[in-house]
Amino acid sequence: MKVAVLVGSKSDLESAEKVRTRLSDLGVPCEVAVAGAHRIRRRWTG
């Protein structure tokens, strides 16, 4: 299982990195991505 940690803006990345660290400590692979409403369409629809 791989976990996605989605945040709404780059300013939230510090918190997301704390989550990534904790998940890593637990042996859970994850990916962190900024997925604000205006970015979602571009990232997943090309």
N, C-alpha and C. Protein backbone atom coordinates (compact mmCIF):
# COMPACT_ATOMS: atom_id res chain seq x y z
N MET A 1 0.84 -1.16 0.00
CA MET A 1 0.00 0.00 0.00
C MET A 1 0.89 1.23 0.00
N LYS A 2 0.53 2.24 -0.77
CA LYS A 2 1.22 3.52 -0.80
C LYS A 2 0.19 4.59 -0.49
N VAL A 3 0.58 5.55 0.34
CA VAL A 3 -0.33 6.60 0.78
C VAL A 3 -0.01 7.90 0.05
N ALA A 4 -1.03 8.62 -0.36
CA ALA A 4 -0.86 9.95 -0.95
C ALA A 4 -1.20 10.99 0.11
N VAL A 5 -0.29 11.93 0.30
CA VAL A 5 -0.52 13.04 1.23
C VAL A 5 -0.71 14.27 0.35
N LEU A 6 -1.92 14.77 0.28
CA LEU A 6 -2.25 15.92 -0.56
C LEU A 6 -2.42 17.16 0.30
N VAL A 7 -1.80 18.24 -0.14
CA VAL A 7 -1.95 19.52 0.54
C VAL A 7 -2.45 20.55 -0.47
N GLY A 8 -3.06 21.60 0.04
CA GLY A 8 -3.67 22.60 -0.83
C GLY A 8 -2.74 23.66 -1.36
N SER A 9 -1.59 23.85 -0.70
CA SER A 9 -0.64 24.87 -1.17
C SER A 9 0.76 24.54 -0.69
N LYS A 10 1.74 25.20 -1.30
CA LYS A 10 3.13 24.96 -0.93
C LYS A 10 3.39 25.32 0.53
N SER A 11 2.60 26.24 1.07
CA SER A 11 2.80 26.63 2.47
C SER A 11 2.45 25.50 3.43
N ASP A 12 1.75 24.48 2.96
CA ASP A 12 1.39 23.33 3.79
C ASP A 12 2.43 22.21 3.75
N LEU A 13 3.47 22.38 2.96
CA LEU A 13 4.45 21.31 2.78
C LEU A 13 5.20 20.95 4.07
N GLU A 14 5.42 21.91 4.94
CA GLU A 14 6.10 21.61 6.20
C GLU A 14 5.32 20.58 7.01
N SER A 15 4.01 20.77 7.08
CA SER A 15 3.16 19.81 7.79
C SER A 15 3.16 18.46 7.08
N ALA A 16 3.12 18.48 5.77
CA ALA A 16 3.10 17.24 5.00
C ALA A 16 4.40 16.46 5.20
N GLU A 17 5.52 17.16 5.34
CA GLU A 17 6.78 16.48 5.56
C GLU A 17 6.80 15.78 6.92
N LYS A 18 6.15 16.35 7.89
CA LYS A 18 6.03 15.69 9.20
C LYS A 18 5.23 14.40 9.07
N VAL A 19 4.19 14.45 8.26
CA VAL A 19 3.38 13.25 8.02
C VAL A 19 4.22 12.21 7.29
N ARG A 20 4.97 12.65 6.28
CA ARG A 20 5.82 11.73 5.52
C ARG A 20 6.83 11.04 6.45
N THR A 21 7.42 11.81 7.34
CA THR A 21 8.40 11.25 8.28
C THR A 21 7.76 10.19 9.17
N ARG A 22 6.58 10.50 9.69
CA ARG A 22 5.89 9.55 10.58
C ARG A 22 5.52 8.27 9.83
N LEU A 23 5.00 8.44 8.62
CA LEU A 23 4.64 7.26 7.82
C LEU A 23 5.88 6.42 7.52
N SER A 24 6.98 7.09 7.21
CA SER A 24 8.23 6.38 6.95
C SER A 24 8.67 5.60 8.19
N ASP A 25 8.55 6.21 9.37
CA ASP A 25 8.88 5.53 10.62
C ASP A 25 8.05 4.26 10.80
N LEU A 26 6.83 4.28 10.28
CA LEU A 26 5.93 3.14 10.39
C LEU A 26 6.10 2.15 9.23
N GLY A 27 6.98 2.48 8.29
CA GLY A 27 7.21 1.60 7.15
C GLY A 27 6.18 1.73 6.04
N VAL A 28 5.49 2.86 6.00
CA VAL A 28 4.45 3.08 4.99
C VAL A 28 4.98 4.04 3.93
N PRO A 29 5.12 3.58 2.69
CA PRO A 29 5.58 4.47 1.62
C PRO A 29 4.51 5.50 1.29
N CYS A 30 4.96 6.71 0.94
CA CYS A 30 3.98 7.74 0.59
C CYS A 30 4.57 8.71 -0.40
N GLU A 31 3.68 9.49 -0.98
CA GLU A 31 4.04 10.55 -1.91
C GLU A 31 3.33 11.80 -1.44
N VAL A 32 4.04 12.92 -1.43
CA VAL A 32 3.46 14.20 -1.05
C VAL A 32 3.26 15.02 -2.31
N ALA A 33 2.07 15.62 -2.45
CA ALA A 33 1.80 16.45 -3.62
C ALA A 33 0.96 17.66 -3.24
N VAL A 34 1.25 18.77 -3.89
CA VAL A 34 0.43 19.97 -3.75
C VAL A 34 -0.69 19.84 -4.76
N ALA A 35 -1.91 19.87 -4.28
CA ALA A 35 -3.06 19.64 -5.17
C ALA A 35 -4.15 20.66 -4.92
N GLY A 36 -3.80 21.94 -5.01
CA GLY A 36 -4.80 22.99 -4.89
C GLY A 36 -5.79 22.87 -6.03
N ALA A 37 -6.95 23.45 -5.88
CA ALA A 37 -8.02 23.31 -6.87
C ALA A 37 -7.58 23.72 -8.27
N HIS A 38 -6.78 24.76 -8.40
CA HIS A 38 -6.35 25.20 -9.73
C HIS A 38 -5.23 24.35 -10.30
N ARG A 39 -4.61 23.49 -9.49
CA ARG A 39 -3.53 22.63 -9.97
C ARG A 39 -4.02 21.23 -10.36
N ILE A 40 -5.09 20.79 -9.77
CA ILE A 40 -5.56 19.41 -9.98
C ILE A 40 -5.81 19.13 -11.46
N ARG A 41 -6.53 19.99 -12.13
CA ARG A 41 -6.87 19.74 -13.52
C ARG A 41 -5.62 19.61 -14.38
N ARG A 42 -4.67 20.50 -14.21
CA ARG A 42 -3.44 20.45 -15.00
C ARG A 42 -2.65 19.18 -14.74
N ARG A 43 -2.55 18.78 -13.47
CA ARG A 43 -1.71 17.63 -13.13
C ARG A 43 -2.30 16.31 -13.64
N TRP A 44 -3.59 16.14 -13.51
CA TRP A 44 -4.19 14.85 -13.84
C TRP A 44 -4.88 14.79 -15.20
N THR A 45 -5.02 15.90 -15.88
CA THR A 45 -5.65 15.84 -17.20
C THR A 45 -4.71 16.28 -18.30
N GLY A 46 -3.51 16.70 -17.94
CA GLY A 46 -2.52 17.06 -18.95
C GLY A 46 -2.68 18.46 -19.37
